[in-house]
């Protein structure tokens, strides 16, 4: 089982290089991560962006410019269109966001004519977080795409979490449906939906997973909290592999607190598309972008 983000890089490298299409790779953080991914045997990169700017950054940072195939295009929107087209037509295996804003990147992915997003599909976001002092990685969803997942979408998000956990070598992941309390509260939507999802998990309706909920965050992650609150009969409490958040606010706050305050490292991708799509913030570190590339490559067919 993979327990460190660095092991994702190793596992993805062992699969051989994937063809990476980088949308508007005009910044040093993106190019640094892509160059390191190339150096480690993860990718064969094509960068869509301003060629003069890409070559300037390579000179300043000491990157071998021959590592990148560069398609010269100054428009960020057009770069997204070209990169999306490359993966949709099979010319690339993985898509990556560069300096372009998230809304433009997502519009390119969702474009019905582009062929990357299947009809009636569900687009979502999965992150893998490495927290200091924790002995295993934590998969979480959704912190960036679906504002308020309905019940059907939650069942799909559980499938995405299961698939990501499987890529990490977790055969039957323990998924915690997060709510304000471990008590079932009929007036709180996240609470009663979590209880229904847990029962569906018991009956095998959600695939090979162990689902429990509602669980508060501390009960899901810490055995001491589960014991103190006398949560009994749960195989998930205190040992969750995955967290399903009830809405984007709670998920995003956890994500940013874990990384910016808690010192965690992260890999993040968009799922539900024909190929994995790297989605990181323009301000994320090269390490986060490298781990995200590796996760996408690991899950690439």
Protein backbone atom coordinates (compact mmCIF):
# COMPACT_ATOMS: atom_id res chain seq x y z
CA UNK A 1 0.00 0.00 0.00
CA UNK A 2 1.22 3.49 -0.85
CA UNK A 3 1.52 5.56 2.33
CA UNK A 4 3.58 8.57 1.16
CA UNK A 5 3.13 10.94 -1.77
CA UNK A 6 6.70 10.24 -2.87
CA UNK A 7 5.68 6.61 -3.36
CA UNK A 8 3.01 7.75 -5.85
CA UNK A 9 5.83 9.23 -7.93
CA UNK A 10 7.72 5.94 -7.78
CA UNK A 11 4.67 3.85 -8.67
CA UNK A 12 3.69 6.09 -11.57
CA UNK A 13 7.26 6.13 -12.91
CA UNK A 14 7.27 2.32 -12.97
CA UNK A 15 4.35 2.39 -15.44
CA UNK A 16 6.40 4.28 -18.02
CA UNK A 17 6.03 7.78 -19.38
CA UNK A 18 2.60 9.27 -20.03
CA UNK A 19 2.01 11.97 -22.64
CA UNK A 20 1.22 15.18 -20.75
CA UNK A 21 -0.57 18.17 -22.29
CA UNK A 22 0.05 21.35 -20.28
CA UNK A 23 -2.47 24.17 -20.82
CA UNK A 24 -0.75 27.57 -20.73
CA UNK A 25 2.49 26.47 -19.05
CA UNK A 26 3.90 29.96 -18.83
CA UNK A 27 5.13 29.99 -15.23
CA UNK A 28 8.18 28.68 -13.43
CA UNK A 29 6.22 26.60 -10.88
CA UNK A 30 4.42 24.63 -13.56
CA UNK A 31 7.50 24.17 -15.73
CA UNK A 32 9.58 23.18 -12.71
CA UNK A 33 7.10 20.44 -11.78
CA UNK A 34 6.78 19.24 -15.37
CA UNK A 35 10.54 19.21 -15.86
CA UNK A 36 11.00 17.18 -12.66
CA UNK A 37 8.27 14.80 -13.80
CA UNK A 38 10.12 14.40 -17.10
CA UNK A 39 13.43 13.87 -15.33
CA UNK A 40 11.89 11.17 -13.12
CA UNK A 41 10.47 9.30 -16.08
CA UNK A 42 6.81 10.20 -15.49
CA UNK A 43 5.92 12.16 -18.62
CA UNK A 44 6.66 13.22 -22.17
CA UNK A 45 5.39 16.82 -21.95
CA UNK A 46 3.87 19.10 -24.55
CA UNK A 47 3.48 22.66 -23.32
CA UNK A 48 0.89 24.93 -24.92
CA UNK A 49 1.93 28.51 -24.28
CA UNK A 50 4.07 31.47 -25.25
CA UNK A 51 7.20 29.78 -26.60
CA UNK A 52 9.45 32.78 -25.97
CA UNK A 53 8.31 32.90 -22.34
CA UNK A 54 8.75 29.14 -21.88
CA UNK A 55 12.29 29.29 -23.29
CA UNK A 56 13.12 32.32 -21.12
CA UNK A 57 12.03 30.47 -17.97
CA UNK A 58 14.03 27.41 -19.03
CA UNK A 59 17.16 29.53 -19.42
CA UNK A 60 16.67 31.29 -16.08
CA UNK A 61 15.88 28.08 -14.16
CA UNK A 62 18.49 25.91 -15.89
CA UNK A 63 15.98 23.50 -17.45
CA UNK A 64 16.86 21.61 -20.61
CA UNK A 65 14.38 23.13 -23.07
CA UNK A 66 14.60 20.00 -25.21
CA UNK A 67 12.54 18.21 -22.53
CA UNK A 68 9.49 20.17 -23.67
CA UNK A 69 7.65 20.09 -26.96
CA UNK A 70 6.26 23.62 -27.11
CA UNK A 71 3.23 24.68 -29.13
CA UNK A 72 3.46 28.44 -29.48
CA UNK A 73 0.18 30.12 -28.49
CA UNK A 74 -0.21 33.33 -26.52
CA UNK A 75 -3.94 33.07 -25.70
CA UNK A 76 -4.62 31.19 -22.47
CA UNK A 77 -8.10 30.15 -23.64
CA UNK A 78 -6.75 28.82 -26.91
CA UNK A 79 -4.02 26.92 -25.04
CA UNK A 80 -6.72 25.16 -23.00
CA UNK A 81 -8.64 24.31 -26.16
CA UNK A 82 -5.53 22.83 -27.82
CA UNK A 83 -4.50 20.84 -24.75
CA UNK A 84 -8.03 19.49 -24.21
CA UNK A 85 -8.23 18.51 -27.88
CA UNK A 86 -4.94 16.62 -27.58
CA UNK A 87 -6.22 14.41 -24.75
CA UNK A 88 -9.72 14.05 -26.21
CA UNK A 89 -8.33 12.75 -29.51
CA UNK A 90 -5.84 10.40 -27.87
CA UNK A 91 -2.73 12.42 -28.65
CA UNK A 92 -2.08 12.86 -24.91
CA UNK A 93 -2.83 10.78 -21.82
CA UNK A 94 -3.06 13.42 -19.08
CA UNK A 95 -4.16 17.07 -18.98
CA UNK A 96 -2.58 19.69 -16.72
CA UNK A 97 -3.55 23.24 -15.79
CA UNK A 98 -0.79 25.82 -16.05
CA UNK A 99 -1.01 29.54 -15.35
CA UNK A 100 -4.57 29.76 -16.71
CA UNK A 101 -7.38 30.48 -14.25
CA UNK A 102 -9.44 27.56 -12.96
CA UNK A 103 -12.69 28.82 -14.51
CA UNK A 104 -11.16 28.94 -18.01
CA UNK A 105 -9.56 25.53 -17.52
CA UNK A 106 -12.84 23.98 -16.35
CA UNK A 107 -14.80 25.58 -19.20
CA UNK A 108 -12.41 23.91 -21.62
CA UNK A 109 -12.91 20.53 -19.96
CA UNK A 110 -16.70 20.91 -19.91
CA UNK A 111 -17.01 22.09 -23.50
CA UNK A 112 -19.51 19.65 -25.03
CA UNK A 113 -17.84 19.83 -28.44
CA UNK A 114 -14.37 18.99 -27.05
CA UNK A 115 -15.21 15.35 -26.28
CA UNK A 116 -13.41 15.15 -22.95
CA UNK A 117 -16.43 15.14 -20.64
CA UNK A 118 -18.98 12.35 -21.24
CA UNK A 119 -22.70 13.22 -21.63
CA UNK A 120 -24.58 13.08 -18.31
CA UNK A 121 -21.28 12.55 -16.51
CA UNK A 122 -20.33 13.87 -13.08
CA UNK A 123 -17.21 15.99 -12.83
CA UNK A 124 -15.54 16.05 -9.44
CA UNK A 125 -12.28 16.61 -7.63
CA UNK A 126 -10.26 14.21 -5.51
CA UNK A 127 -7.26 15.14 -3.39
CA UNK A 128 -4.76 12.89 -1.66
CA UNK A 129 -3.38 14.50 1.49
CA UNK A 130 -0.29 13.58 3.48
CA UNK A 131 -0.65 14.89 7.03
CA UNK A 132 2.29 15.12 9.46
CA UNK A 133 2.16 12.35 12.05
CA UNK A 134 -0.37 10.27 10.13
CA UNK A 135 0.78 6.82 9.01
CA UNK A 136 -1.22 6.72 5.77
CA UNK A 137 -2.53 9.00 3.06
CA UNK A 138 -6.03 10.47 3.14
CA UNK A 139 -8.28 10.77 0.08
CA UNK A 140 -10.85 13.58 0.22
CA UNK A 141 -13.67 14.89 -1.99
CA UNK A 142 -15.01 17.31 -3.11
CA UNK A 143 -13.13 20.52 -2.32
CA UNK A 144 -13.19 22.37 -5.65
CA UNK A 145 -15.91 21.42 -8.15
CA UNK A 146 -19.37 20.47 -6.80
CA UNK A 147 -20.71 23.14 -4.41
CA UNK A 148 -23.48 21.06 -2.83
CA UNK A 149 -23.48 17.42 -3.98
CA UNK A 150 -26.92 15.84 -3.98
CA UNK A 151 -27.46 12.28 -2.80
CA UNK A 152 -26.86 10.67 -6.19
CA UNK A 153 -23.69 12.69 -6.66
CA UNK A 154 -22.46 11.53 -3.26
CA UNK A 155 -22.72 7.92 -4.38
CA UNK A 156 -20.62 8.81 -7.42
CA UNK A 157 -18.07 10.68 -5.27
CA UNK A 158 -17.74 7.54 -3.16
CA UNK A 159 -16.93 5.63 -6.35
CA UNK A 160 -14.26 8.19 -7.27
CA UNK A 161 -12.76 7.94 -3.77
CA UNK A 162 -12.81 4.13 -4.04
CA UNK A 163 -11.01 4.23 -7.40
CA UNK A 164 -8.37 6.64 -6.13
CA UNK A 165 -7.82 4.56 -3.00
CA UNK A 166 -7.50 1.45 -5.18
CA UNK A 167 -4.71 3.18 -7.12
CA UNK A 168 -2.93 3.58 -3.77
CA UNK A 169 -3.27 -0.15 -3.11
CA UNK A 170 -6.21 0.04 -0.69
CA UNK A 171 -8.48 -2.87 -1.62
CA UNK A 172 -11.46 -1.93 0.54
CA UNK A 173 -11.16 1.70 1.65
CA UNK A 174 -12.78 3.00 4.82
CA UNK A 175 -14.87 6.01 3.84
CA UNK A 176 -16.20 8.47 6.42
CA UNK A 177 -19.22 10.60 5.53
CA UNK A 178 -18.48 13.82 7.39
CA UNK A 179 -21.21 15.66 9.31
CA UNK A 180 -21.31 18.01 12.32
CA UNK A 181 -21.83 15.12 14.75
CA UNK A 182 -21.64 11.36 14.93
CA UNK A 183 -25.25 11.44 16.11
CA UNK A 184 -27.91 10.94 13.41
CA UNK A 185 -29.72 14.28 13.28
CA UNK A 186 -32.90 14.14 11.15
CA UNK A 187 -32.93 17.92 10.70
CA UNK A 188 -29.38 17.96 9.24
CA UNK A 189 -29.19 16.82 5.63
CA UNK A 190 -25.54 15.72 5.77
CA UNK A 191 -26.35 13.62 8.83
CA UNK A 192 -29.28 11.56 7.56
CA UNK A 193 -27.81 11.18 4.06
CA UNK A 194 -24.61 9.86 5.63
CA UNK A 195 -26.62 7.27 7.55
CA UNK A 196 -28.32 6.11 4.35
CA UNK A 197 -24.97 5.90 2.54
CA UNK A 198 -23.58 3.83 5.40
CA UNK A 199 -26.48 1.37 5.10
CA UNK A 200 -26.01 1.19 1.32
CA UNK A 201 -22.36 0.41 1.95
CA UNK A 202 -23.31 -2.39 4.35
CA UNK A 203 -25.49 -3.92 1.63
CA UNK A 204 -22.75 -3.76 -1.02
CA UNK A 205 -24.54 -1.16 -3.11
CA UNK A 206 -21.49 1.12 -3.27
CA UNK A 207 -18.90 -1.44 -4.34
CA UNK A 208 -16.00 -2.77 -2.32
CA UNK A 209 -15.91 -0.12 0.41
CA UNK A 210 -16.63 0.23 4.10
CA UNK A 211 -18.74 3.34 4.61
CA UNK A 212 -19.80 4.87 7.90
CA UNK A 213 -21.57 8.05 8.84
CA UNK A 214 -22.47 10.43 10.04
CA UNK A 215 -19.04 10.97 11.59
CA UNK A 216 -17.59 14.20 12.85
CA UNK A 217 -14.10 14.97 11.58
CA UNK A 218 -12.33 14.19 14.86
CA UNK A 219 -14.13 10.86 15.22
CA UNK A 220 -13.30 9.91 11.64
CA UNK A 221 -9.58 10.54 12.05
CA UNK A 222 -8.60 10.00 15.67
CA UNK A 223 -9.14 6.77 17.66
CA UNK A 224 -9.00 8.67 20.95
CA UNK A 225 -11.90 10.88 19.88
CA UNK A 226 -13.92 7.85 18.79
CA UNK A 227 -13.32 6.16 22.15
CA UNK A 228 -14.05 9.30 24.16
CA UNK A 229 -17.34 9.81 22.32
CA UNK A 230 -18.18 6.11 22.73
CA UNK A 231 -18.62 5.43 19.02
CA UNK A 232 -18.95 1.66 18.93
CA UNK A 233 -19.23 -0.89 16.16
CA UNK A 234 -17.60 1.29 13.50
CA UNK A 235 -14.77 -0.04 11.33
CA UNK A 236 -14.17 3.48 10.01
CA UNK A 237 -14.11 5.69 13.12
CA UNK A 238 -10.55 6.68 13.99
CA UNK A 239 -9.09 4.97 10.92
CA UNK A 240 -10.64 6.54 7.81
CA UNK A 241 -8.88 6.22 4.46
CA UNK A 242 -11.24 8.65 2.74
CA UNK A 243 -13.41 11.61 3.74
CA UNK A 244 -16.59 12.52 1.87
CA UNK A 245 -17.45 16.13 2.69
CA UNK A 246 -21.07 17.35 2.59
CA UNK A 247 -20.30 20.53 0.64
CA UNK A 248 -17.49 22.49 -0.97
CA UNK A 249 -17.16 24.92 1.95
CA UNK A 250 -16.32 22.26 4.52
CA UNK A 251 -14.06 20.35 2.14
CA UNK A 252 -12.17 23.42 0.96
CA UNK A 253 -11.63 24.72 4.48
CA UNK A 254 -10.24 21.33 5.56
CA UNK A 255 -8.03 21.15 2.46
CA UNK A 256 -6.51 24.59 3.01
CA UNK A 257 -6.19 24.20 6.77
CA UNK A 258 -4.47 20.83 6.32
CA UNK A 259 -1.94 22.23 3.87
CA UNK A 260 -1.39 25.84 4.91
CA UNK A 261 -1.80 25.49 8.68
CA UNK A 262 -1.21 21.79 9.31
CA UNK A 263 1.85 21.45 7.09
CA UNK A 264 0.31 18.77 4.88
CA UNK A 265 1.31 17.95 1.32
CA UNK A 266 -1.24 17.22 -1.38
CA UNK A 267 -1.94 15.83 -4.83
CA UNK A 268 -5.12 16.91 -6.64
CA UNK A 269 -6.91 15.87 -9.82
CA UNK A 270 -10.23 16.29 -11.61
CA UNK A 271 -12.05 13.00 -12.19
CA UNK A 272 -15.08 11.96 -14.20
CA UNK A 273 -13.39 12.93 -17.48
CA UNK A 274 -11.98 10.64 -20.20
CA UNK A 275 -8.51 11.10 -18.72
CA UNK A 276 -7.25 12.35 -15.34
CA UNK A 277 -6.83 16.14 -15.28
CA UNK A 278 -4.36 17.85 -12.96
CA UNK A 279 -6.03 20.73 -11.11
CA UNK A 280 -3.85 22.74 -8.75
CA UNK A 281 -3.87 26.36 -7.71
CA UNK A 282 -1.65 28.80 -9.58
CA UNK A 283 0.02 29.47 -6.22
CA UNK A 284 0.71 25.81 -5.37
CA UNK A 285 4.30 24.69 -4.96
CA UNK A 286 6.19 22.70 -7.60
CA UNK A 287 6.09 19.74 -5.17
CA UNK A 288 2.27 19.79 -5.05
CA UNK A 289 2.14 20.00 -8.84
CA UNK A 290 4.63 17.13 -9.20
CA UNK A 291 2.60 14.92 -6.85
CA UNK A 292 -0.56 15.82 -8.77
CA UNK A 293 1.05 14.90 -12.08
CA UNK A 294 2.15 11.59 -10.55
CA UNK A 295 -1.35 10.83 -9.23
CA UNK A 296 -2.89 11.57 -12.63
CA UNK A 297 -0.29 9.37 -14.35
CA UNK A 298 -0.89 6.58 -11.85
CA UNK A 299 -4.62 6.61 -12.62
CA UNK A 300 -4.15 7.02 -16.36
CA UNK A 301 -5.15 3.95 -18.37
